[in-house]
Amino acid sequence: MSPRYYIVTAILVGVLTLAISWWKQKQTRREIFWVMIKVVSALAVIVGGVLGMAQLLVFFGVAQSGFFL
């Protein structure tokens, strides 16, 4: 993958972490760290779900191999 995707993902995680921390009024490093862990976990679940759905569609013959949503 291109380094651009890693940079965009890191910026997305940072912005979401800061926005949620500000919204929930988290102030200590530990609280902000746990918000970041939750953001990364949520993004991993979303990406895993999309990739899983694509594989399921390939398995059932709805999509071709290499299909990506």
Protein backbone atom coordinates (compact mmCIF):
# COMPACT_ATOMS: atom_id res chain seq x y z
CA MET A 1 0.00 0.00 0.00
CA SER A 2 1.00 3.55 -0.59
CA PRO A 3 2.38 5.55 2.37
CA ARG A 4 -0.37 8.05 1.63
CA TYR A 5 -2.97 5.65 3.07
CA TYR A 6 -1.02 5.26 6.29
CA ILE A 7 -0.68 9.03 6.66
CA VAL A 8 -4.39 9.60 6.00
CA THR A 9 -5.32 6.87 8.49
CA ALA A 10 -3.02 8.34 11.16
CA ILE A 11 -4.52 11.80 10.62
CA LEU A 12 -8.05 10.34 10.79
CA VAL A 13 -7.28 8.55 14.06
CA GLY A 14 -5.70 11.68 15.51
CA VAL A 15 -8.58 13.97 14.55
CA LEU A 16 -11.22 11.52 15.79
CA THR A 17 -9.32 11.00 19.04
CA LEU A 18 -9.01 14.72 19.70
CA ALA A 19 -12.63 15.41 18.76
CA ILE A 20 -14.02 12.65 20.96
CA SER A 21 -11.69 13.58 23.83
CA TRP A 22 -12.83 17.21 23.62
CA TRP A 23 -16.49 16.18 23.38
CA LYS A 24 -16.26 13.79 26.35
CA GLN A 25 -14.06 16.29 28.25
CA LYS A 26 -11.15 13.89 28.71
CA GLN A 27 -8.03 15.68 29.91
CA THR A 28 -5.36 13.29 31.16
CA ARG A 29 -3.01 11.42 28.86
CA ARG A 30 -4.36 8.09 30.10
CA GLU A 31 -7.97 9.02 29.26
CA ILE A 32 -7.00 10.30 25.81
CA PHE A 33 -4.94 7.12 25.20
CA TRP A 34 -7.99 4.95 25.94
CA VAL A 35 -10.09 7.05 23.57
CA MET A 36 -7.44 6.48 20.89
CA ILE A 37 -7.50 2.71 21.54
CA LYS A 38 -11.28 2.71 21.13
CA VAL A 39 -11.05 4.72 17.88
CA VAL A 40 -8.45 2.32 16.43
CA SER A 41 -10.54 -0.68 17.50
CA ALA A 42 -13.69 0.76 15.91
CA LEU A 43 -11.87 1.45 12.64
CA ALA A 44 -10.45 -2.08 12.64
CA VAL A 45 -13.93 -3.55 13.14
CA ILE A 46 -15.36 -1.41 10.32
CA VAL A 47 -12.57 -2.31 7.88
CA GLY A 48 -12.75 -5.98 8.88
CA GLY A 49 -16.50 -5.97 8.34
CA VAL A 50 -16.18 -4.46 4.87
CA LEU A 51 -13.46 -6.92 3.86
CA GLY A 52 -15.46 -9.81 5.35
CA MET A 53 -18.56 -8.76 3.44
CA ALA A 54 -16.54 -8.61 0.20
CA GLN A 55 -15.20 -12.13 0.80
CA LEU A 56 -18.70 -13.38 1.60
CA LEU A 57 -20.02 -11.95 -1.66
CA VAL A 58 -17.18 -13.67 -3.55
CA PHE A 59 -17.94 -16.96 -1.78
CA PHE A 60 -21.62 -16.83 -2.78
CA GLY A 61 -20.73 -15.92 -6.37
CA VAL A 62 -22.32 -12.48 -6.25
CA ALA A 63 -19.00 -10.74 -6.89
CA GLN A 64 -15.81 -11.65 -8.69
CA SER A 65 -12.55 -12.47 -6.94
CA GLY A 66 -10.63 -9.32 -6.09
CA PHE A 67 -13.87 -7.47 -5.43
CA PHE A 68 -13.52 -4.61 -2.99
CA LEU A 69 -16.38 -2.40 -1.79
